[in-house]
Protein backbone atom coordinates (compact mmCIF):
# COMPACT_ATOMS: atom_id res chain seq x y z
CA UNK A 1 67.72 161.00 89.45
CA UNK A 2 67.56 161.84 93.14
CA UNK A 3 67.11 158.82 95.41
CA UNK A 4 64.28 159.79 97.77
CA UNK A 5 65.34 157.10 100.21
CA UNK A 6 68.62 158.91 100.93
CA UNK A 7 67.58 162.58 100.54
CA UNK A 8 65.02 164.76 102.39
CA UNK A 9 63.16 165.53 99.14
CA UNK A 10 61.61 163.34 96.46
CA UNK A 11 62.93 165.20 93.41
CA UNK A 12 64.58 168.46 92.33
CA UNK A 13 62.19 170.59 90.20
CA UNK A 14 63.10 173.80 88.36
CA UNK A 15 60.06 176.10 87.90
CA UNK A 16 60.40 178.86 85.24
CA UNK A 17 57.70 181.58 85.07
CA UNK A 18 57.86 185.38 84.81
CA UNK A 19 54.91 185.73 87.20
CA UNK A 20 56.05 185.52 90.88
CA UNK A 21 52.56 184.62 92.05
CA UNK A 22 52.55 181.52 89.82
CA UNK A 23 55.97 180.53 91.08
CA UNK A 24 54.91 180.97 94.69
CA UNK A 25 51.85 178.77 94.17
CA UNK A 26 53.87 176.04 92.45
CA UNK A 27 56.58 176.18 95.07
CA UNK A 28 54.11 175.94 97.93
CA UNK A 29 52.14 172.98 96.61
CA UNK A 30 55.26 171.03 95.60
CA UNK A 31 57.18 171.72 98.80
CA UNK A 32 54.25 170.37 100.82
CA UNK A 33 54.75 167.09 98.96
CA UNK A 34 58.50 166.93 99.73
CA UNK A 35 59.74 168.21 96.38
CA UNK A 36 62.70 170.59 96.19
CA UNK A 37 61.70 173.61 94.10
CA UNK A 38 64.01 176.18 92.50
CA UNK A 39 62.09 179.22 91.10
CA UNK A 40 63.42 181.31 88.18
CA UNK A 41 61.70 184.21 86.38
CA UNK A 42 63.93 184.58 83.30
CA UNK A 43 64.77 182.12 80.55
CA UNK A 44 68.54 182.77 80.39
CA UNK A 45 68.84 182.50 84.17
CA UNK A 46 66.97 179.20 83.99
CA UNK A 47 69.42 177.85 81.40
CA UNK A 48 72.40 178.69 83.61
CA UNK A 49 70.69 177.08 86.63
CA UNK A 50 69.91 173.92 84.69
CA UNK A 51 73.49 173.70 83.40
CA UNK A 52 75.01 174.24 86.86
CA UNK A 53 72.80 171.71 88.66
CA UNK A 54 70.56 169.70 86.35
CA UNK A 55 67.11 169.20 87.92
CA UNK A 56 64.99 166.06 87.71
CA UNK A 57 62.11 167.89 85.98
CA UNK A 58 61.36 171.38 84.61
CA UNK A 59 58.03 173.29 84.74
CA UNK A 60 58.17 175.93 81.98
CA UNK A 61 55.91 178.87 81.09
CA UNK A 62 55.69 179.96 77.43
CA UNK A 63 55.05 183.73 77.54
CA UNK A 64 58.22 185.29 79.05
CA UNK A 65 60.17 188.44 78.12
CA UNK A 66 63.53 188.27 76.26
CA UNK A 67 63.34 184.45 75.72
CA UNK A 68 60.05 182.59 75.56
CA UNK A 69 59.47 179.03 76.78
CA UNK A 70 59.87 177.49 73.30
CA UNK A 71 63.37 178.98 72.92
CA UNK A 72 64.33 177.89 76.46
CA UNK A 73 63.21 174.32 75.72
CA UNK A 74 65.12 174.25 72.40
CA UNK A 75 68.30 175.34 74.20
CA UNK A 76 67.78 172.69 76.88
CA UNK A 77 67.38 169.95 74.28
CA UNK A 78 70.47 171.07 72.38
CA UNK A 79 72.83 170.47 75.33
CA UNK A 80 73.93 166.97 76.37
CA UNK A 81 73.72 167.72 80.08
CA UNK A 82 70.07 168.88 79.95
CA UNK A 83 68.78 167.01 76.88
CA UNK A 84 67.03 164.24 78.78
CA UNK A 85 65.39 166.34 81.49
CA UNK A 86 61.58 166.12 81.08
CA UNK A 87 59.96 169.53 80.42
CA UNK A 88 56.27 170.16 81.24
CA UNK A 89 54.82 173.34 79.73
CA UNK A 90 52.37 175.29 81.93
CA UNK A 91 50.74 178.11 79.99
CA UNK A 92 47.56 180.10 79.51
CA UNK A 93 47.89 179.47 75.77
CA UNK A 94 45.47 176.68 75.06
CA UNK A 95 45.31 176.57 71.30
CA UNK A 96 46.12 173.33 69.58
CA UNK A 97 48.98 174.91 67.62
CA UNK A 98 50.55 176.10 70.86
CA UNK A 99 50.47 172.57 72.23
CA UNK A 100 51.82 171.06 69.02
CA UNK A 101 54.76 173.48 68.99
CA UNK A 102 55.45 172.71 72.66
CA UNK A 103 55.78 169.02 71.84
CA UNK A 104 57.82 169.80 68.71
CA UNK A 105 60.54 171.63 70.69
CA UNK A 106 60.86 168.71 73.12
CA UNK A 107 58.19 169.09 75.81
CA UNK A 108 56.75 165.91 77.32
CA UNK A 109 53.43 167.36 78.53
CA UNK A 110 51.25 170.51 78.47
CA UNK A 111 49.11 171.90 81.34
CA UNK A 112 46.73 174.79 80.66
CA UNK A 113 46.36 177.66 83.11
CA UNK A 114 44.52 178.06 85.34
CA UNK A 115 45.56 174.56 86.46
CA UNK A 116 44.27 172.13 89.01
CA UNK A 117 46.79 171.28 91.71
CA UNK A 118 46.07 167.54 91.67
CA UNK A 119 46.40 167.44 87.88
CA UNK A 120 49.83 169.09 87.98
CA UNK A 121 51.00 166.78 90.81
CA UNK A 122 49.76 163.71 88.94
CA UNK A 123 51.54 164.67 85.73
CA UNK A 124 54.75 165.53 87.56
CA UNK A 125 54.81 162.18 89.34
CA UNK A 126 54.02 160.33 86.10
CA UNK A 127 56.90 161.92 84.20
CA UNK A 128 59.29 161.56 87.12
CA UNK A 129 58.46 157.85 87.19
CA UNK A 130 58.93 157.61 83.42
CA UNK A 131 62.24 159.44 83.74
CA UNK A 132 63.32 157.10 86.53
CA UNK A 133 62.48 154.05 84.42
CA UNK A 134 64.26 155.59 81.45
CA UNK A 135 67.39 156.16 83.52
CA UNK A 136 67.29 152.58 84.81
CA UNK A 137 66.94 151.33 81.25
CA UNK A 138 69.83 153.50 80.10
CA UNK A 139 72.01 152.26 82.96
CA UNK A 140 71.10 148.69 82.12
CA UNK A 141 71.90 149.27 78.46
CA UNK A 142 75.28 150.72 79.43
CA UNK A 143 76.01 147.65 81.55
CA UNK A 144 74.89 145.30 78.80
CA UNK A 145 76.99 147.10 76.22
CA UNK A 146 80.00 146.91 78.53
CA UNK A 147 79.35 143.22 79.13
CA UNK A 148 79.10 142.66 75.37
CA UNK A 149 82.39 144.50 74.82
CA UNK A 150 84.06 142.55 77.64
CA UNK A 151 82.73 139.24 76.36
CA UNK A 152 83.76 140.05 72.81
CA UNK A 153 87.23 140.98 73.99
CA UNK A 154 87.44 137.80 76.08
CA UNK A 155 86.31 135.72 73.11
CA UNK A 156 88.89 137.36 70.87
CA UNK A 157 91.60 136.76 73.48
CA UNK A 158 90.51 133.15 73.95
CA UNK A 159 90.34 132.56 70.19
CA UNK A 160 93.81 133.97 69.71
CA UNK A 161 95.24 131.90 72.58
CA UNK A 162 93.30 128.83 71.36
CA UNK A 163 94.70 129.07 67.83
CA UNK A 164 98.27 129.96 68.76
CA UNK A 165 98.70 127.65 71.76
CA UNK A 166 101.52 125.11 71.34
CA UNK A 167 99.48 122.71 73.48
CA UNK A 168 96.83 120.60 71.72
CA UNK A 169 93.35 121.80 72.72
CA UNK A 170 89.98 120.22 71.93
CA UNK A 171 86.41 121.15 72.84
CA UNK A 172 83.89 118.30 72.91
CA UNK A 173 80.31 117.98 74.07
CA UNK A 174 80.14 116.49 77.53
CA UNK A 175 77.21 114.21 76.77
CA UNK A 176 78.22 112.57 73.49
CA UNK A 177 81.90 113.45 73.21
CA UNK A 178 81.41 115.16 69.85
CA UNK A 179 84.23 117.42 68.66
CA UNK A 180 83.11 121.05 68.40
CA UNK A 181 86.49 122.72 67.90
CA UNK A 182 90.19 121.82 67.87
CA UNK A 183 93.29 123.98 67.47
CA UNK A 184 96.15 123.51 64.97
CA UNK A 185 98.37 121.90 67.62
CA UNK A 186 95.77 119.15 68.12
CA UNK A 187 95.64 118.49 64.38
CA UNK A 188 99.44 118.41 64.25
CA UNK A 189 99.89 115.85 67.02
CA UNK A 190 96.96 113.66 65.93
CA UNK A 191 97.75 113.78 62.20
CA UNK A 192 94.11 114.39 61.28
CA UNK A 193 92.72 117.18 59.10
CA UNK A 194 90.11 119.48 60.61
CA UNK A 195 87.25 118.05 58.52
CA UNK A 196 88.16 114.57 59.76
CA UNK A 197 87.61 115.63 63.39
CA UNK A 198 84.90 118.30 63.71
CA UNK A 199 81.46 116.75 64.13
CA UNK A 200 82.81 113.28 64.90
CA UNK A 201 82.60 111.57 68.28
CA UNK A 202 85.58 110.42 70.33
CA UNK A 203 84.65 106.80 69.81
CA UNK A 204 84.51 107.26 66.03
CA UNK A 205 88.17 108.31 65.80
CA UNK A 206 90.92 105.76 66.34
CA UNK A 207 92.65 107.80 69.06
CA UNK A 208 93.30 104.79 71.30
CA UNK A 209 91.08 106.25 74.01
CA UNK A 210 89.87 103.79 76.62
CA UNK A 211 86.11 104.38 76.45
CA UNK A 212 85.49 102.89 79.90
CA UNK A 213 88.12 105.22 81.30
CA UNK A 214 86.53 108.07 79.37
CA UNK A 215 83.11 107.23 80.82
CA UNK A 216 84.45 107.32 84.38
CA UNK A 217 86.39 110.49 83.66
CA UNK A 218 83.23 112.14 82.33
CA UNK A 219 81.41 111.25 85.56
CA UNK A 220 84.26 112.74 87.59
CA UNK A 221 84.20 115.86 85.43
CA UNK A 222 80.44 116.27 85.95
CA UNK A 223 80.90 116.02 89.72
CA UNK A 224 84.11 118.02 90.24
CA UNK A 225 84.08 120.33 87.19
CA UNK A 226 87.71 119.55 86.35
CA UNK A 227 90.22 116.75 85.81
CA UNK A 228 93.94 117.38 86.14
CA UNK A 229 97.02 115.55 84.83
CA UNK A 230 95.22 112.63 83.21
CA UNK A 231 97.96 110.59 81.50
CA UNK A 232 97.11 108.31 78.59
CA UNK A 233 98.39 107.03 75.26
CA UNK A 234 97.15 108.91 72.17
CA UNK A 235 97.12 106.99 68.90
CA UNK A 236 97.76 109.22 65.88
CA UNK A 237 96.24 108.77 62.43
CA UNK A 238 99.37 106.91 61.32
CA UNK A 239 99.17 104.54 64.31
CA UNK A 240 102.00 106.05 66.35
CA UNK A 241 101.51 106.28 70.11
CA UNK A 242 102.17 109.53 71.95
CA UNK A 243 102.05 109.92 75.73
CA UNK A 244 100.00 112.98 76.66
CA UNK A 245 99.09 114.63 79.95
CA UNK A 246 95.57 116.10 79.79
CA UNK A 247 93.68 118.55 81.98
CA UNK A 248 89.94 118.97 81.39
CA UNK A 249 87.58 121.77 82.46
CA UNK A 250 83.79 121.73 82.23
CA UNK A 251 82.50 124.78 80.32
CA UNK A 252 79.21 125.98 78.83
CA UNK A 253 79.28 126.78 75.13
CA UNK A 254 76.24 127.95 73.17
CA UNK A 255 73.93 126.46 75.78
CA UNK A 256 75.66 123.07 75.81
CA UNK A 257 77.82 121.54 78.54
CA UNK A 258 81.23 120.91 77.02
CA UNK A 259 84.67 119.67 78.00
CA UNK A 260 87.72 121.84 77.30
CA UNK A 261 90.74 119.52 77.15
CA UNK A 262 94.31 120.86 77.10
CA UNK A 263 97.06 118.31 76.45
CA UNK A 264 100.83 118.30 76.79
CA UNK A 265 102.92 115.88 74.75
CA UNK A 266 105.27 114.23 77.25
CA UNK A 267 106.43 111.38 75.00
CA UNK A 268 110.04 112.49 74.81
CA UNK A 269 110.13 113.41 78.47
CA UNK A 270 108.83 109.97 79.43
CA UNK A 271 111.40 108.27 77.21
CA UNK A 272 114.27 110.25 78.69
CA UNK A 273 112.92 109.74 82.19
CA UNK A 274 112.68 105.98 81.73
CA UNK A 275 116.13 105.76 80.19
CA UNK A 276 117.66 107.85 82.94
CA UNK A 277 116.01 105.90 85.76
CA UNK A 278 116.93 102.55 84.22
CA UNK A 279 120.52 103.64 83.63
CA UNK A 280 120.99 105.05 87.13
CA UNK A 281 119.26 102.08 88.73
CA UNK A 282 121.39 99.52 86.90
CA UNK A 283 124.56 101.47 87.61
CA UNK A 284 123.67 101.56 91.31
CA UNK A 285 122.72 97.91 91.72
CA UNK A 286 126.12 96.41 90.82
CA UNK A 287 128.30 98.43 93.23
CA UNK A 288 125.66 98.22 95.97
CA UNK A 289 125.51 94.42 95.78
CA UNK A 290 129.30 94.28 95.91
CA UNK A 291 129.29 96.61 98.90
CA UNK A 292 126.72 94.46 100.74
CA UNK A 293 128.81 91.35 100.05
CA UNK A 294 131.93 93.00 101.44
CA UNK A 295 130.06 94.24 104.50
CA UNK A 296 128.65 90.75 105.11
CA UNK A 297 132.18 89.31 105.07
CA UNK A 298 133.31 92.00 107.43
CA UNK A 299 130.32 91.49 109.72
CA UNK A 300 130.78 87.70 109.98
CA UNK A 301 134.35 88.15 111.20
CA UNK A 302 135.95 86.36 108.27
CA UNK A 303 138.26 89.33 107.75
CA UNK A 304 139.01 89.83 111.41
CA UNK A 305 137.08 90.49 114.60
CA UNK A 306 135.34 93.79 115.26
CA UNK A 307 134.57 95.68 118.42
CA UNK A 308 130.96 95.93 119.49
CA UNK A 309 130.82 99.50 118.20
CA UNK A 310 132.37 98.43 114.92
CA UNK A 311 129.86 95.58 114.56
CA UNK A 312 126.96 98.03 115.10
CA UNK A 313 128.34 100.35 112.44
CA UNK A 314 128.70 97.45 109.96
CA UNK A 315 125.14 96.28 110.68
CA UNK A 316 123.82 99.82 110.16
CA UNK A 317 125.73 100.08 106.88
CA UNK A 318 124.30 96.73 105.71
CA UNK A 319 120.74 97.81 106.60
CA UNK A 320 121.07 101.11 104.75
CA UNK A 321 122.67 99.44 101.72
CA UNK A 322 119.88 96.84 101.58
CA UNK A 323 117.30 99.62 101.82
CA UNK A 324 118.94 101.39 98.89
CA UNK A 325 118.92 98.15 96.86
CA UNK A 326 115.20 97.77 97.64
CA UNK A 327 114.61 101.29 96.43
CA UNK A 328 116.50 100.60 93.20
CA UNK A 329 114.56 97.37 92.67
CA UNK A 330 111.27 99.16 93.32
CA UNK A 331 112.17 101.88 90.81
CA UNK A 332 113.08 99.28 88.19
CA UNK A 333 109.91 97.27 88.80
CA UNK A 334 107.73 100.37 88.63
CA UNK A 335 109.29 101.62 85.41
CA UNK A 336 109.05 98.18 83.77
CA UNK A 337 105.39 97.97 84.76
CA UNK A 338 104.56 101.45 83.49
CA UNK A 339 106.45 100.95 80.22
CA UNK A 340 104.87 97.52 79.65
CA UNK A 341 108.21 95.73 79.46
CA UNK A 342 107.44 93.63 82.55
CA UNK A 343 105.55 90.57 81.33
CA UNK A 344 103.01 88.88 83.56
CA UNK A 345 103.03 85.10 83.91
CA UNK A 346 99.45 84.17 84.75
CA UNK A 347 98.83 80.92 86.58
CA UNK A 348 95.97 79.38 88.50
CA UNK A 349 96.42 80.30 92.17
CA UNK A 350 94.59 79.37 95.36
CA UNK A 351 93.68 82.43 97.39
CA UNK A 352 94.34 80.62 100.72
CA UNK A 353 97.83 79.71 99.46
CA UNK A 354 98.54 83.32 98.50
CA UNK A 355 97.35 84.53 101.88
CA UNK A 356 99.40 81.93 103.79
CA UNK A 357 102.53 82.82 101.85
CA UNK A 358 102.01 86.51 102.57
CA UNK A 359 101.43 85.75 106.25
CA UNK A 360 104.67 83.71 106.43
CA UNK A 361 106.69 86.52 104.86
CA UNK A 362 105.21 89.27 107.06
CA UNK A 363 104.88 87.42 110.38
CA UNK A 364 108.36 88.33 111.62
CA UNK A 365 107.77 92.02 110.84
CA UNK A 366 104.40 91.91 112.63
CA UNK A 367 105.94 90.25 115.71
CA UNK A 368 108.74 92.81 115.84
CA UNK A 369 106.14 95.60 115.72
CA UNK A 370 103.94 93.77 118.28
CA UNK A 371 101.06 93.83 115.78
CA UNK A 372 98.54 91.00 115.48
CA UNK A 373 98.20 89.69 111.92
CA UNK A 374 94.79 88.15 111.17
CA UNK A 375 94.36 86.33 107.85
CA UNK A 376 90.84 85.49 106.62
CA UNK A 377 91.13 83.80 103.19
CA UNK A 378 88.34 82.45 101.01
CA UNK A 379 88.53 79.14 99.13
CA UNK A 380 88.61 80.34 95.53
CA UNK A 381 91.01 80.16 92.59
CA UNK A 382 92.01 82.95 90.24
CA UNK A 383 94.36 83.27 87.30
CA UNK A 384 97.07 85.82 88.13
CA UNK A 385 100.81 86.27 88.23
CA UNK A 386 101.40 84.70 91.64
CA UNK A 387 104.70 86.49 92.27
CA UNK A 388 103.17 89.90 91.54
CA UNK A 389 100.11 89.24 93.72
CA UNK A 390 102.49 88.17 96.51
CA UNK A 391 104.32 91.47 96.02
CA UNK A 392 100.97 93.30 96.17
CA UNK A 393 99.88 91.59 99.41
CA UNK A 394 103.23 91.96 101.20
CA UNK A 395 103.47 95.63 100.22
CA UNK A 396 99.97 96.33 101.58
CA UNK A 397 100.59 94.33 104.76
CA UNK A 398 104.00 95.94 105.30
CA UNK A 399 102.44 99.38 104.90
CA UNK A 400 99.64 98.52 107.38
CA UNK A 401 102.04 97.07 109.97
CA UNK A 402 104.42 100.03 109.79
CA UNK A 403 101.66 102.47 110.64
CA UNK A 404 99.96 100.39 113.35
CA UNK A 405 100.48 100.88 117.06
CA UNK A 406 101.78 98.01 119.23
CA UNK A 407 98.92 95.76 120.33
CA UNK A 408 96.68 96.64 117.38
CA UNK A 409 95.50 94.29 114.63
CA UNK A 410 95.96 94.16 110.86
CA UNK A 411 93.33 92.17 108.93
CA UNK A 412 93.74 90.63 105.47
CA UNK A 413 90.44 89.28 104.15
CA UNK A 414 88.71 88.34 100.90
CA UNK A 415 85.20 87.93 99.56
CA UNK A 416 83.54 87.36 96.21
CA UNK A 417 81.44 90.22 94.83
CA UNK A 418 78.91 89.61 92.05
CA UNK A 419 79.07 91.96 89.04
CA UNK A 420 76.18 93.63 87.26
CA UNK A 421 75.68 93.57 83.50
CA UNK A 422 78.30 96.32 83.05
CA UNK A 423 80.93 94.54 85.11
CA UNK A 424 80.50 96.78 88.18
CA UNK A 425 79.94 95.86 91.82
CA UNK A 426 76.86 97.67 93.18
CA UNK A 427 78.26 97.94 96.72
CA UNK A 428 81.79 99.02 95.74
CA UNK A 429 82.82 102.44 94.46
CA UNK A 430 86.41 102.47 93.22
CA UNK A 431 87.23 106.13 92.48
CA UNK A 432 89.89 105.63 89.80
CA UNK A 433 89.41 103.99 86.39
CA UNK A 434 91.38 100.97 85.18
CA UNK A 435 91.73 99.37 81.74
CA UNK A 436 88.52 97.65 80.61
CA UNK A 437 88.18 93.88 80.49
CA UNK A 438 88.08 92.14 77.13
CA UNK A 439 85.11 90.16 78.50
CA UNK A 440 83.03 91.03 81.53
CA UNK A 441 83.48 88.51 84.39
CA UNK A 442 80.44 87.46 86.36
CA UNK A 443 82.19 88.03 89.71
CA UNK A 444 85.13 89.83 91.29
CA UNK A 445 87.51 88.95 94.11
CA UNK A 446 87.48 91.76 96.68
CA UNK A 447 90.57 91.89 98.91
CA UNK A 448 90.85 94.21 101.91
CA UNK A 449 93.76 95.10 104.17
CA UNK A 450 92.49 96.91 107.27
CA UNK A 451 94.57 98.46 110.04
CA UNK A 452 93.93 100.44 113.21
CA UNK A 453 96.61 103.03 112.61
CA UNK A 454 96.60 106.82 112.55
CA UNK A 455 94.63 107.05 109.30
CA UNK A 456 95.10 109.08 106.14
CA UNK A 457 93.80 112.64 105.52
CA UNK A 458 91.15 112.88 102.80
CA UNK A 459 93.36 115.01 100.54
CA UNK A 460 96.04 112.28 100.56
CA UNK A 461 93.86 109.27 99.71
CA UNK A 462 94.60 109.43 95.98
CA UNK A 463 98.07 110.98 96.19
CA UNK A 464 99.49 108.08 98.23
CA UNK A 465 99.44 105.91 95.08
CA UNK A 466 101.82 108.30 93.30
CA UNK A 467 105.56 107.75 93.31
CA UNK A 468 107.55 108.89 96.34
CA UNK A 469 104.42 110.09 98.12
CA UNK A 470 104.23 109.88 101.92
CA UNK A 471 101.43 110.99 104.24
CA UNK A 472 104.14 112.63 106.34
CA UNK A 473 107.55 113.65 104.97
CA UNK A 474 109.23 112.15 108.03
CA UNK A 475 107.78 108.69 107.30
CA UNK A 476 110.57 107.78 104.89
CA UNK A 477 113.13 108.18 107.68
CA UNK A 478 111.08 106.89 110.61
CA UNK A 479 109.38 103.96 108.86
CA UNK A 480 112.07 103.04 106.35
CA UNK A 481 109.79 103.17 103.29
CA UNK A 482 110.81 104.01 99.73
CA UNK A 483 107.59 105.82 98.84
CA UNK A 484 107.09 103.43 95.89
CA UNK A 485 105.23 100.50 97.48
CA UNK A 486 101.69 101.74 96.87
CA UNK A 487 102.57 102.99 93.39
CA UNK A 488 103.84 99.48 92.57
CA UNK A 489 100.63 98.03 94.03
CA UNK A 490 98.54 100.21 91.72
CA UNK A 491 100.55 99.12 88.68
CA UNK A 492 100.20 95.43 89.61
CA UNK A 493 96.44 95.77 90.08
CA UNK A 494 95.98 97.70 86.84
CA UNK A 495 98.01 95.10 84.92
CA UNK A 496 95.55 92.53 86.24
CA UNK A 497 92.66 94.76 85.06
CA UNK A 498 91.54 95.47 88.60
CA UNK A 499 91.05 98.44 90.91
CA UNK A 500 92.78 99.63 94.06
CA UNK A 501 91.74 102.43 96.39
CA UNK A 502 91.85 103.45 100.03
CA UNK A 503 89.28 104.54 102.59
CA UNK A 504 90.33 106.20 105.81
CA UNK A 505 89.70 108.78 108.47
CA UNK A 506 92.42 110.31 110.67
CA UNK A 507 92.66 108.42 113.95
CA UNK A 508 90.36 105.61 112.81
CA UNK A 509 92.69 103.46 110.72
CA UNK A 510 92.72 102.74 106.99
CA UNK A 511 91.29 100.11 104.67
CA UNK A 512 92.90 99.34 101.31
CA UNK A 513 90.58 97.72 98.76
CA UNK A 514 91.65 95.61 95.76
CA UNK A 515 89.29 94.07 93.22
CA UNK A 516 90.50 91.45 90.74
CA UNK A 517 88.37 89.79 88.03
CA UNK A 518 87.44 86.17 88.58
CA UNK A 519 87.45 84.46 85.19
CA UNK A 520 86.03 81.02 84.45
CA UNK A 521 88.66 78.26 84.86
CA UNK A 522 88.71 74.79 83.34
CA UNK A 523 87.18 72.29 85.75
CA UNK A 524 90.18 70.25 86.89
CA UNK A 525 93.07 72.65 86.40
CA UNK A 526 95.37 72.67 89.39
CA UNK A 527 96.86 75.76 90.95
CA UNK A 528 100.30 74.58 90.00
CA UNK A 529 102.29 77.80 90.24
CA UNK A 530 100.85 79.04 93.56
CA UNK A 531 100.07 75.75 95.31
CA UNK A 532 101.81 75.51 98.68
């Protein structure tokens, strides 16, 4: 169909009549209304013209020599290229049988001569509009059919990949966590049969899933549309634990919002990784401690005096060796925490005592960096592993001091936050889930370490708690860090069933938040393990 918005004429019309006067009249009245008119006096010539350049509409007389209008119309309807062109018969034959035959051979309308100009124009415009709508409908049908074919092909491809994937895949409803579909790899790793999974909810299967963690993950999925590299322990039907790394995408399936979860079994990799790290770490510690001892003897002059340059070299070697030992110790601590082989020794501790001990340890570092250390404790007791909380506080303070400019201030403070019925603090929004509490405490201890340093970019706020992560790659050399301090902090907090997260803006400093549950203590129990 000709687009009248981009062409000088509204439509291309082929007029077929053996009377030149009729053709001239039709051509004149249609041209005045911006129609393009091609006039033909013979039927066979008209067929060739229609084949060469199909018009938008055909006006056709019936009584013509050699080939009448009925035969012309039959030929037009027999060819694919001209089949759908609307044909309006214009003839002096006005009998009912003539009209019936005209419609039988494929005509869409019949105008009796002598005709009224306005009647012919009205019928032409009506059938052009019908033809235009028909073409739009056909184009839409073609698009829909192509979309159906594409979707069917995509579904077949997805189904094939879903079934044959070596990675366990599950599709669950986002709202209730009900299993809609799982692949054979999921059934293999979980040990369940398909009828034991489909239709059941996550909480109804003993998969070892932390439902509080699942709830928070679902909220993240609803906001971001995806979760990546979510590591957790999967309990199989036989009770075995497998470590899996899961990525989740939000999808729409049959009108329902669903979660597509793809897992990778990393149990063996984690075992080998832990064994390798432990082996290497232990093998490094013994010779490094011996090396430090020998360097200390050499540095104290017990084996002979050194030149000033030699003394500097020995001191540098001792510093680097001690840094390496710290790295090895951090790796060992982190792996023991993650594997659960590091046992906590809870004791009743005074928060002021913990703060004072941390201040004593970090004061020399703060003075060397010309950073003011401000401690604001709160008089409250909590039951924690005092040594691990000391490690947490010193790591956070060390990190804050290292990235603070001379003359700035690092604050360590605490406050008690009341929990709601679900164990959450209305004014706090920790972004990452932690293991749920066996009983919900009525209040939470909220610790903050705030600095006035360079700040942390938004895309690094969660990554900094991963192993060997630095805001800047040069920090490990310039600041002397191992890249494990914050990862160890996260493990300590999670072992105490708390949360840790950071808030920051580049150039405006950073604030590290830690929340720890405050459980009810017996009335006169002393803080024996942490009392100063």
